[in-house]
Structures are given as C-alpha cells and as structure tokens.
C-alpha atoms as a PDB file:
ATOM      1  CA  MET A   1     -31.850  17.258 -22.793  1.00  0.00           C
ATOM      2  CA  ASP A   2     -29.596  14.259 -23.326  1.00  0.00           C
ATOM      3  CA  PRO A   3     -29.680  13.555 -27.093  1.00  0.00           C
ATOM      4  CA  ILE A   4     -30.360   9.880 -26.377  1.00  0.00           C
ATOM      5  CA  GLU A   5     -33.665  10.868 -24.779  1.00  0.00           C
ATOM      6  CA  SER A   6     -34.737  12.331 -28.141  1.00  0.00           C
ATOM      7  CA  LEU A   7     -34.459   8.936 -29.832  1.00  0.00           C
ATOM      8  CA  PRO A   8     -37.452   6.569 -29.896  1.00  0.00           C
ATOM      9  CA  ASN A   9     -37.460   4.046 -27.070  1.00  0.00           C
ATOM     10  CA  LYS A  10     -38.705   0.492 -26.696  1.00  0.00           C
ATOM     11  CA  THR A  11     -38.404  -2.422 -24.300  1.00  0.00           C
ATOM     12  CA  LEU A  12     -35.877  -5.048 -25.393  1.00  0.00           C
ATOM     13  CA  LEU A  13     -37.228  -8.329 -26.750  1.00  0.00           C
ATOM     14  CA  ILE A  14     -36.285 -11.829 -25.694  1.00  0.00           C
ATOM     15  CA  GLY A  15     -34.762 -13.742 -28.599  1.00  0.00           C
ATOM     16  CA  PRO A  16     -33.108 -11.323 -31.066  1.00  0.00           C
ATOM     17  CA  LEU A  17     -29.295 -11.484 -31.071  1.00  0.00           C
ATOM     18  CA  PHE A  18     -28.399  -7.990 -29.892  1.00  0.00           C
ATOM     19  CA  CYS A  19     -31.292  -7.753 -27.448  1.00  0.00           C
ATOM     20  CA  GLU A  20     -29.877 -10.898 -25.880  1.00  0.00           C
ATOM     21  CA  ARG A  21     -26.479  -9.224 -25.612  1.00  0.00           C
ATOM     22  CA  PHE A  22     -27.918  -6.503 -23.399  1.00  0.00           C
ATOM     23  CA  ILE A  23     -30.595  -8.268 -21.335  1.00  0.00           C
ATOM     24  CA  PRO A  24     -28.104 -10.306 -19.235  1.00  0.00           C
ATOM     25  CA  LEU A  25     -26.438  -6.980 -18.342  1.00  0.00           C
ATOM     26  CA  GLY A  26     -29.640  -5.833 -16.643  1.00  0.00           C
ATOM     27  CA  ILE A  27     -30.548  -3.548 -19.545  1.00  0.00           C
ATOM     28  CA  SER A  28     -34.218  -3.520 -20.450  1.00  0.00           C
ATOM     29  CA  SER A  29     -34.719  -0.653 -22.938  1.00  0.00           C
ATOM     30  CA  PHE A  30     -33.189   0.866 -26.063  1.00  0.00           C
ATOM     31  CA  HIS A  31     -32.242   4.063 -24.230  1.00  0.00           C
ATOM     32  CA  GLU A  32     -30.515   2.088 -21.493  1.00  0.00           C
ATOM     33  CA  ALA A  33     -28.552   0.196 -24.146  1.00  0.00           C
ATOM     34  CA  CYS A  34     -27.496   3.484 -25.768  1.00  0.00           C
ATOM     35  CA  ASN A  35     -26.218   4.832 -22.460  1.00  0.00           C
ATOM     36  CA  TYR A  36     -24.400   1.586 -21.710  1.00  0.00           C
ATOM     37  CA  VAL A  37     -22.579   1.676 -25.054  1.00  0.00           C
ATOM     38  CA  LYS A  38     -21.820   5.378 -24.700  1.00  0.00           C
ATOM     39  CA  ASN A  39     -20.118   4.715 -21.366  1.00  0.00           C
ATOM     40  CA  MET A  40     -18.065   1.764 -22.621  1.00  0.00           C
ATOM     41  CA  PRO A  41     -14.323   2.496 -23.009  1.00  0.00           C
ATOM     42  CA  TYR A  42     -13.266   4.089 -26.277  1.00  0.00           C
ATOM     43  CA  GLY A  43     -10.671   2.030 -28.145  1.00  0.00           C
ATOM     44  CA  GLU A  44      -9.892   0.428 -31.494  1.00  0.00           C
ATOM     45  CA  ASN A  45     -11.291  -3.010 -32.224  1.00  0.00           C
ATOM     46  CA  SER A  46      -9.449  -5.802 -34.020  1.00  0.00           C
ATOM     47  CA  THR A  47     -12.069  -5.656 -36.810  1.00  0.00           C
ATOM     48  CA  ASP A  48     -15.151  -3.574 -37.634  1.00  0.00           C
ATOM     49  CA  LEU A  49     -17.512  -6.442 -36.794  1.00  0.00           C
ATOM     50  CA  PRO A  50     -20.145  -5.123 -34.364  1.00  0.00           C
ATOM     51  CA  GLU A  51     -19.753  -8.153 -32.068  1.00  0.00           C
ATOM     52  CA  LYS A  52     -16.201  -7.022 -31.278  1.00  0.00           C
ATOM     53  CA  LEU A  53     -17.669  -4.313 -29.052  1.00  0.00           C
ATOM     54  CA  PHE A  54     -18.701  -6.960 -26.543  1.00  0.00           C
ATOM     55  CA  ALA A  55     -15.817  -9.377 -27.125  1.00  0.00           C
ATOM     56  CA  GLU A  56     -13.203  -6.664 -26.524  1.00  0.00           C
ATOM     57  CA  ASN A  57     -15.203  -4.480 -24.108  1.00  0.00           C
ATOM     58  CA  GLN A  58     -14.386  -1.317 -26.029  1.00  0.00           C
ATOM     59  CA  GLY A  59     -15.225   0.339 -29.305  1.00  0.00           C
ATOM     60  CA  THR A  60     -14.945   3.309 -31.623  1.00  0.00           C
ATOM     61  CA  CYS A  61     -17.600   5.300 -33.445  1.00  0.00           C
ATOM     62  CA  ILE A  62     -17.785   2.399 -35.896  1.00  0.00           C
ATOM     63  CA  THR A  63     -18.641  -0.498 -33.600  1.00  0.00           C
ATOM     64  CA  LYS A  64     -20.524   1.479 -30.945  1.00  0.00           C
ATOM     65  CA  HIS A  65     -23.032   2.861 -33.426  1.00  0.00           C
ATOM     66  CA  ALA A  66     -23.209  -0.367 -35.439  1.00  0.00           C
ATOM     67  CA  VAL A  67     -24.357  -2.332 -32.388  1.00  0.00           C
ATOM     68  CA  ILE A  68     -27.043   0.198 -31.503  1.00  0.00           C
ATOM     69  CA  ALA A  69     -28.235   0.435 -35.129  1.00  0.00           C
ATOM     70  CA  LEU A  70     -28.590  -3.354 -35.239  1.00  0.00           C
ATOM     71  CA  LEU A  71     -30.446  -3.283 -31.940  1.00  0.00           C
ATOM     72  CA  ALA A  72     -32.770  -0.637 -33.409  1.00  0.00           C
ATOM     73  CA  GLN A  73     -33.430  -2.936 -36.387  1.00  0.00           C
ATOM     74  CA  GLU A  74     -34.435  -5.745 -34.032  1.00  0.00           C
ATOM     75  CA  LEU A  75     -36.860  -3.405 -32.263  1.00  0.00           C
ATOM     76  CA  GLY A  76     -38.281  -1.860 -35.429  1.00  0.00           C
ATOM     77  CA  LEU A  77     -36.944   1.612 -34.587  1.00  0.00           C
ATOM     78  CA  GLU A  78     -35.945   4.056 -37.326  1.00  0.00           C
ATOM     79  CA  VAL A  79     -32.481   4.705 -35.954  1.00  0.00           C
ATOM     80  CA  TYR A  80     -29.644   4.224 -38.436  1.00  0.00           C
ATOM     81  CA  HIS A  81     -25.896   3.786 -38.555  1.00  0.00           C
ATOM     82  CA  THR A  82     -24.688   6.799 -40.508  1.00  0.00           C
ATOM     83  CA  TYR A  83     -21.267   7.653 -41.896  1.00  0.00           C
ATOM     84  CA  GLY A  84     -20.286  11.293 -42.230  1.00  0.00           C
ATOM     85  CA  LEU A  85     -17.313  13.035 -43.818  1.00  0.00           C
ATOM     86  CA  TYR A  86     -16.014  16.215 -42.221  1.00  0.00           C
ATOM     87  CA  ALA A  87     -13.241  18.758 -42.643  1.00  0.00           C
ATOM     88  CA  ILE A  88     -10.968  18.344 -39.656  1.00  0.00           C
ATOM     89  CA  THR A  89      -9.657  21.549 -38.064  1.00  0.00           C
ATOM     90  CA  GLU A  90      -7.159  22.544 -35.399  1.00  0.00           C
ATOM     91  CA  GLU A  91     -10.117  23.226 -33.126  1.00  0.00           C
ATOM     92  CA  ILE A  92     -11.176  19.576 -33.360  1.00  0.00           C
ATOM     93  CA  VAL A  93      -7.734  17.958 -33.158  1.00  0.00           C
ATOM     94  CA  THR A  94      -4.628  19.803 -32.026  1.00  0.00           C
ATOM     95  CA  GLY A  95      -1.708  19.674 -34.474  1.00  0.00           C
ATOM     96  CA  VAL A  96      -3.511  19.103 -37.776  1.00  0.00           C
ATOM     97  CA  ASP A  97      -2.570  22.526 -39.189  1.00  0.00           C
ATOM     98  CA  GLU A  98       0.983  21.225 -39.586  1.00  0.00           C
ATOM     99  CA  VAL A  99      -0.339  18.338 -41.673  1.00  0.00           C
ATOM    100  CA  PHE A 100      -2.208  20.750 -43.959  1.00  0.00           C
ATOM    101  CA  GLU A 101       0.946  22.815 -44.396  1.00  0.00           C
ATOM    102  CA  LYS A 102       3.042  19.714 -45.126  1.00  0.00           C
ATOM    103  CA  TYR A 103       0.736  18.590 -47.934  1.00  0.00           C
ATOM    104  CA  SER A 104      -0.280  22.086 -49.123  1.00  0.00           C
ATOM    105  CA  ILE A 105      -3.986  21.465 -48.621  1.00  0.00           C
ATOM    106  CA  PRO A 106      -6.636  23.656 -46.930  1.00  0.00           C
ATOM    107  CA  TYR A 107      -7.986  20.744 -44.879  1.00  0.00           C
ATOM    108  CA  ALA A 108      -8.175  16.958 -44.706  1.00  0.00           C
ATOM    109  CA  VAL A 109     -11.344  14.894 -44.964  1.00  0.00           C
ATOM    110  CA  LEU A 110     -11.991  12.373 -42.202  1.00  0.00           C
ATOM    111  CA  GLY A 111     -14.868  10.009 -41.535  1.00  0.00           C
ATOM    112  CA  HIS A 112     -17.029   9.604 -38.459  1.00  0.00           C
ATOM    113  CA  CYS A 113     -19.991   7.381 -37.599  1.00  0.00           C
ATOM    114  CA  PHE A 114     -23.057   8.340 -35.577  1.00  0.00           C
ATOM    115  CA  LEU A 115     -26.740   7.497 -35.193  1.00  0.00           C
ATOM    116  CA  SER A 116     -29.363   9.281 -37.239  1.00  0.00           C
ATOM    117  CA  CYS A 117     -33.127   9.437 -36.733  1.00  0.00           C
ATOM    118  CA  GLY A 118     -34.778  11.861 -39.102  1.00  0.00           C
ATOM    119  CA  ILE A 119     -32.832  15.107 -38.761  1.00  0.00           C
ATOM    120  CA  LEU A 120     -31.510  14.104 -35.338  1.00  0.00           C
ATOM    121  CA  ARG A 121     -27.875  13.040 -34.965  1.00  0.00           C
ATOM    122  CA  VAL A 122     -26.632  11.265 -31.855  1.00  0.00           C
ATOM    123  CA  ASP A 123     -22.945  10.589 -31.265  1.00  0.00           C
ATOM    124  CA  LEU A 124     -22.323   7.919 -28.628  1.00  0.00           C
ATOM    125  CA  THR A 125     -18.600   8.717 -28.615  1.00  0.00           C
ATOM    126  CA  ALA A 126     -19.024  12.412 -27.785  1.00  0.00           C
ATOM    127  CA  ASN A 127     -16.999  13.168 -24.644  1.00  0.00           C
ATOM    128  CA  ASN A 128     -15.277   9.777 -24.831  1.00  0.00           C
ATOM    129  CA  LEU A 129     -11.473   9.856 -24.670  1.00  0.00           C
ATOM    130  CA  ASN A 130     -11.227   9.808 -28.468  1.00  0.00           C
ATOM    131  CA  GLY A 131      -8.508  12.397 -29.115  1.00  0.00           C
ATOM    132  CA  LYS A 132     -10.879  15.135 -30.249  1.00  0.00           C
ATOM    133  CA  ASN A 133     -11.106  18.453 -28.437  1.00  0.00           C
ATOM    134  CA  THR A 134     -14.727  18.985 -29.462  1.00  0.00           C
ATOM    135  CA  PRO A 135     -17.556  16.930 -30.965  1.00  0.00           C
ATOM    136  CA  ILE A 136     -18.106  17.111 -34.724  1.00  0.00           C
ATOM    137  CA  ASN A 137     -21.072  19.347 -35.441  1.00  0.00           C
ATOM    138  CA  SER A 138     -20.756  19.926 -39.177  1.00  0.00           C
ATOM    139  CA  PHE A 139     -20.403  17.392 -41.999  1.00  0.00           C
ATOM    140  CA  LEU A 140     -19.514  17.705 -45.675  1.00  0.00           C
ATOM    141  CA  TYR A 141     -21.515  14.617 -46.577  1.00  0.00           C
ATOM    142  CA  THR A 142     -23.505  11.944 -44.738  1.00  0.00           C
ATOM    143  CA  GLN A 143     -24.966   8.603 -45.771  1.00  0.00           C
ATOM    144  CA  LYS A 144     -26.647   5.715 -43.989  1.00  0.00           C
ATOM    145  CA  ILE A 145     -24.580   2.527 -44.122  1.00  0.00           C
ATOM    146  CA  ASP A 146     -25.125  -1.154 -43.458  1.00  0.00           C
ATOM    147  CA  PRO A 147     -23.857  -1.908 -39.919  1.00  0.00           C
ATOM    148  CA  GLN A 148     -22.964  -5.422 -41.071  1.00  0.00           C
ATOM    149  CA  ASN A 149     -20.937  -4.180 -44.062  1.00  0.00           C
ATOM    150  CA  ILE A 150     -19.190  -1.170 -42.584  1.00  0.00           C
ATOM    151  CA  SER A 151     -15.698  -1.290 -44.084  1.00  0.00           C
ATOM    152  CA  GLU A 152     -16.810  -1.735 -47.682  1.00  0.00           C
ATOM    153  CA  ASP A 153     -19.513   0.934 -47.462  1.00  0.00           C
ATOM    154  CA  LYS A 154     -17.421   3.620 -45.817  1.00  0.00           C
ATOM    155  CA  ASP A 155     -14.400   3.041 -48.063  1.00  0.00           C
ATOM    156  CA  LYS A 156     -16.560   3.410 -51.168  1.00  0.00           C
ATOM    157  CA  ILE A 157     -18.183   6.601 -49.840  1.00  0.00           C
ATOM    158  CA  TYR A 158     -14.825   8.084 -48.862  1.00  0.00           C
ATOM    159  CA  ASN A 159     -13.081   7.373 -52.164  1.00  0.00           C
ATOM    160  CA  ASN A 160     -16.009   8.666 -54.209  1.00  0.00           C
ATOM    161  CA  TYR A 161     -16.082  11.876 -52.184  1.00  0.00           C
ATOM    162  CA  LEU A 162     -12.354  12.491 -52.644  1.00  0.00           C
ATOM    163  CA  GLU A 163     -12.710  12.131 -56.408  1.00  0.00           C
ATOM    164  CA  HIS A 164     -15.589  14.624 -56.338  1.00  0.00           C
ATOM    165  CA  LEU A 165     -13.593  17.036 -54.153  1.00  0.00           C
ATOM    166  CA  ILE A 166     -10.538  17.010 -56.431  1.00  0.00           C
ATOM    167  CA  GLN A 167     -12.677  17.658 -59.499  1.00  0.00           C
ATOM    168  CA  SER A 168     -14.963  20.309 -58.003  1.00  0.00           C
ATOM    169  CA  ASP A 169     -12.798  22.360 -55.612  1.00  0.00           C
ATOM    170  CA  PRO A 170     -10.013  24.397 -57.275  1.00  0.00           C
ATOM    171  CA  ARG A 171      -7.996  24.289 -54.041  1.00  0.00           C
ATOM    172  CA  PHE A 172      -7.499  20.545 -54.563  1.00  0.00           C
ATOM    173  CA  ARG A 173      -6.950  20.525 -58.333  1.00  0.00           C
ATOM    174  CA  ASN A 174      -3.197  19.874 -57.945  1.00  0.00           C
ATOM    175  CA  THR A 175      -3.706  17.266 -55.220  1.00  0.00           C
ATOM    176  CA  ASN A 176      -4.117  13.564 -55.862  1.00  0.00           C
ATOM    177  CA  LYS A 177      -6.217  11.137 -53.877  1.00  0.00           C
ATOM    178  CA  ALA A 178      -3.198   9.375 -52.386  1.00  0.00           C
ATOM    179  CA  THR A 179      -1.989  12.635 -50.854  1.00  0.00           C
ATOM    180  CA  LEU A 180      -5.359  13.245 -49.216  1.00  0.00           C
ATOM    181  CA  ILE A 181      -5.365   9.715 -47.820  1.00  0.00           C
ATOM    182  CA  TRP A 182      -1.867  10.168 -46.388  1.00  0.00           C
ATOM    183  CA  ALA A 183      -2.992  13.434 -44.800  1.00  0.00           C
ATOM    184  CA  ARG A 184      -6.034  11.690 -43.333  1.00  0.00           C
ATOM    185  CA  GLU A 185      -3.881   8.964 -41.798  1.00  0.00           C
ATOM    186  CA  GLU A 186      -1.529  11.513 -40.226  1.00  0.00           C
ATOM    187  CA  CYS A 187      -4.533  13.305 -38.733  1.00  0.00           C
ATOM    188  CA  TYR A 188      -5.775  10.017 -37.304  1.00  0.00           C
ATOM    189  CA  GLY A 189      -2.295   9.507 -35.884  1.00  0.00           C
ATOM    190  CA  LEU A 190      -2.498  12.856 -34.110  1.00  0.00           C
ATOM    191  CA  MET A 191      -5.927  11.945 -32.798  1.00  0.00           C
ATOM    192  CA  TYR A 192      -4.521   8.722 -31.363  1.00  0.00           C
ATOM    193  CA  LYS A 193      -1.549  10.567 -29.849  1.00  0.00           C
ATOM    194  CA  ASN A 194      -3.859  13.127 -28.258  1.00  0.00           C
ATOM    195  CA  ARG A 195      -6.082  10.353 -26.888  1.00  0.00           C
ATOM    196  CA  ILE A 196      -3.144   8.607 -25.230  1.00  0.00           C
ATOM    197  CA  SER A 197      -1.963  11.924 -23.780  1.00  0.00           C
ATOM    198  CA  LEU A 198      -5.417  12.751 -22.409  1.00  0.00           C
ATOM    199  CA  ALA A 199      -5.743   9.281 -20.904  1.00  0.00           C
ATOM    200  CA  ALA A 200      -2.342   9.615 -19.238  1.00  0.00           C
ATOM    201  CA  ARG A 201      -3.243  13.020 -17.786  1.00  0.00           C
ATOM    202  CA  LYS A 202      -6.544  11.670 -16.538  1.00  0.00           C
ATOM    203  CA  SER A 203      -4.793   8.709 -14.932  1.00  0.00           C
ATOM    204  CA  ALA A 204      -2.220  11.011 -13.370  1.00  0.00           C
ATOM    205  CA  GLY A 205      -4.996  13.220 -12.001  1.00  0.00           C
ATOM    206  CA  GLU A 206      -6.706  10.240 -10.426  1.00  0.00           C
ATOM    207  CA  THR A 207      -3.387   9.185  -8.896  1.00  0.00           C
ATOM    208  CA  ASP A 208      -2.863  12.704  -7.499  1.00  0.00           C
ATOM    209  CA  ASN A 209      -6.350  12.664  -5.989  1.00  0.00           C
ATOM    210  CA  CYS A 210      -5.590   9.333  -4.329  1.00  0.00           C
ATOM    211  CA  LYS A 211      -2.440  10.824  -2.840  1.00  0.00           C
ATOM    212  CA  LYS A 212      -4.305  13.868  -1.550  1.00  0.00           C
ATOM    213  CA  ASN A 213      -6.923  11.680   0.069  1.00  0.00           C
ATOM    214  CA  SER A 214      -4.382   9.243   1.517  1.00  0.00           C
ATOM    215  CA  SER A 215      -3.331   9.244   5.150  1.00  0.00           C
ATOM    216  CA  PHE A 216       0.241   8.489   4.052  1.00  0.00           C
ATOM    217  CA  THR A 217       2.801  11.132   5.105  1.00  0.00           C
ATOM    218  CA  PRO A 218       5.972  11.234   2.998  1.00  0.00           C
ATOM    219  CA  THR A 219       9.366  11.012   4.667  1.00  0.00           C
ATOM    220  CA  PRO A 220      11.492  14.184   4.833  1.00  0.00           C
ATOM    221  CA  THR A 221      13.582  12.949   1.896  1.00  0.00           C
ATOM    222  CA  GLY A 222      10.460  12.687  -0.275  1.00  0.00           C
ATOM    223  CA  SER A 223      11.775   9.452  -1.770  1.00  0.00           C
ATOM    224  CA  VAL A 224       8.356   8.266  -2.937  1.00  0.00           C
ATOM    225  CA  TYR A 225       7.851  11.380  -5.062  1.00  0.00           C
ATOM    226  CA  ASP A 226      11.442  11.371  -6.279  1.00  0.00           C
ATOM    227  CA  GLU A 227      10.819   7.992  -7.903  1.00  0.00           C
ATOM    228  CA  GLU A 228       7.749   9.333  -9.759  1.00  0.00           C
ATOM    229  CA  ASN A 229       9.488  12.480 -10.951  1.00  0.00           C
END
C-alpha cells in the first residue's frame, strides 16, 4: 500500500490558506495534495518558508512536509511535520566513507524531515531525485517541529543532539561540535553532487530514448553524434 493511503483523509475546505493553494489546482482531498507535493520537483528553496514550495515550484523535505503539515492543521488531521536525525552511511549516500575517514569519526549526523501520524512515518521525498541511494528507515532521534518555525527548531534540536553525542559516545569524545558540522556539510555536498549526476543521467537517458524513437537517420560521418561525444 502507498504510505499516503495510510494517512487520514479529508476533503479540502474553502477558505483556509493552504486549502486555497491546492483547490485551484483541481485537488480536492488531503491525499491528493500529498501526492501532488510528492511529485513536485525536488530542489532547494531560497528560504525554509512553506510558501516557497509554490512560489518556486520545487521543494526539499523541509518545505514539502511543512506545507502538508499546515494543510493537515487546517483540516484538523493529526499529521505532523517531524524532524529526524540519522547516521548517514555509504549505503544511503555514495562517498561519505571518505568524509568519515577525513575527520576520524564513525559516522556523521544529518537531519531529515517527514510526516508523522502516530507511529506511521511518511516521506514525500522518497524516490525523488534527492541524491540518496535509499530512503532513510532508521533515526537516532525524532521530534515534531513547528512548520512555521522550521529553521530555529531544527537547529536547536541538531545542536543539542551533537552535544549529547559527544558527551555520551566514547567514539566522539575527542571530536568537537564544529568538526561534526563540517562533516555534515560535506555529506550534504556529496548528496547534492549525486543528485546532479543522477539528474544528468536521467536527462541523457530521455535524450537517448528520443533518438531511438526518432525517424532521423544519421549521415555516414555521424557528425550529429560526434558533437555530443
């Protein structure tokens, strides 16, 4: 079953701000809104304000889940914007093992947002072109956050967790918080690099399919392909 189908559902209301964002798009229910946001392009927004999802026609785990959590509030549904911290691995993002070796740490802690409803977790960015090889299935810590105050909430949670980690895990005793933050940023950089690479390969595949389905026959010199190669 699609995880979205496990969430509560309700018809959108005329009047509330985020309901009115979706209704003109022909969307009439909470589930339809979730699917619409899930299928929107994945990409960084200029700020973490939820409205940027619509203004820029793209979003990350932050803005995608913030918009749906605010929509859930308008409909009285117990679906929440939740921030989770996880240990990134080579399985999730290719290349991060080199970062761990560089900073002499066993892993780096990264953050990710998703929807929560009871024990259910729904990630609207799963299978988006987000630079991850696999979805995140295990978290070190999770907490519901205010979708209108995202940056402040998640920064506080992250910094508090790093302080706890350094004090409680002997493997990090000789590591300071700044080092862990640098490692996190390098991991995010790899994620971005992988996302661009995946997008380029996808675009190239679509171009190849167009060529295969085209009636165009290349000249014996193959000049068209020489330019691409």
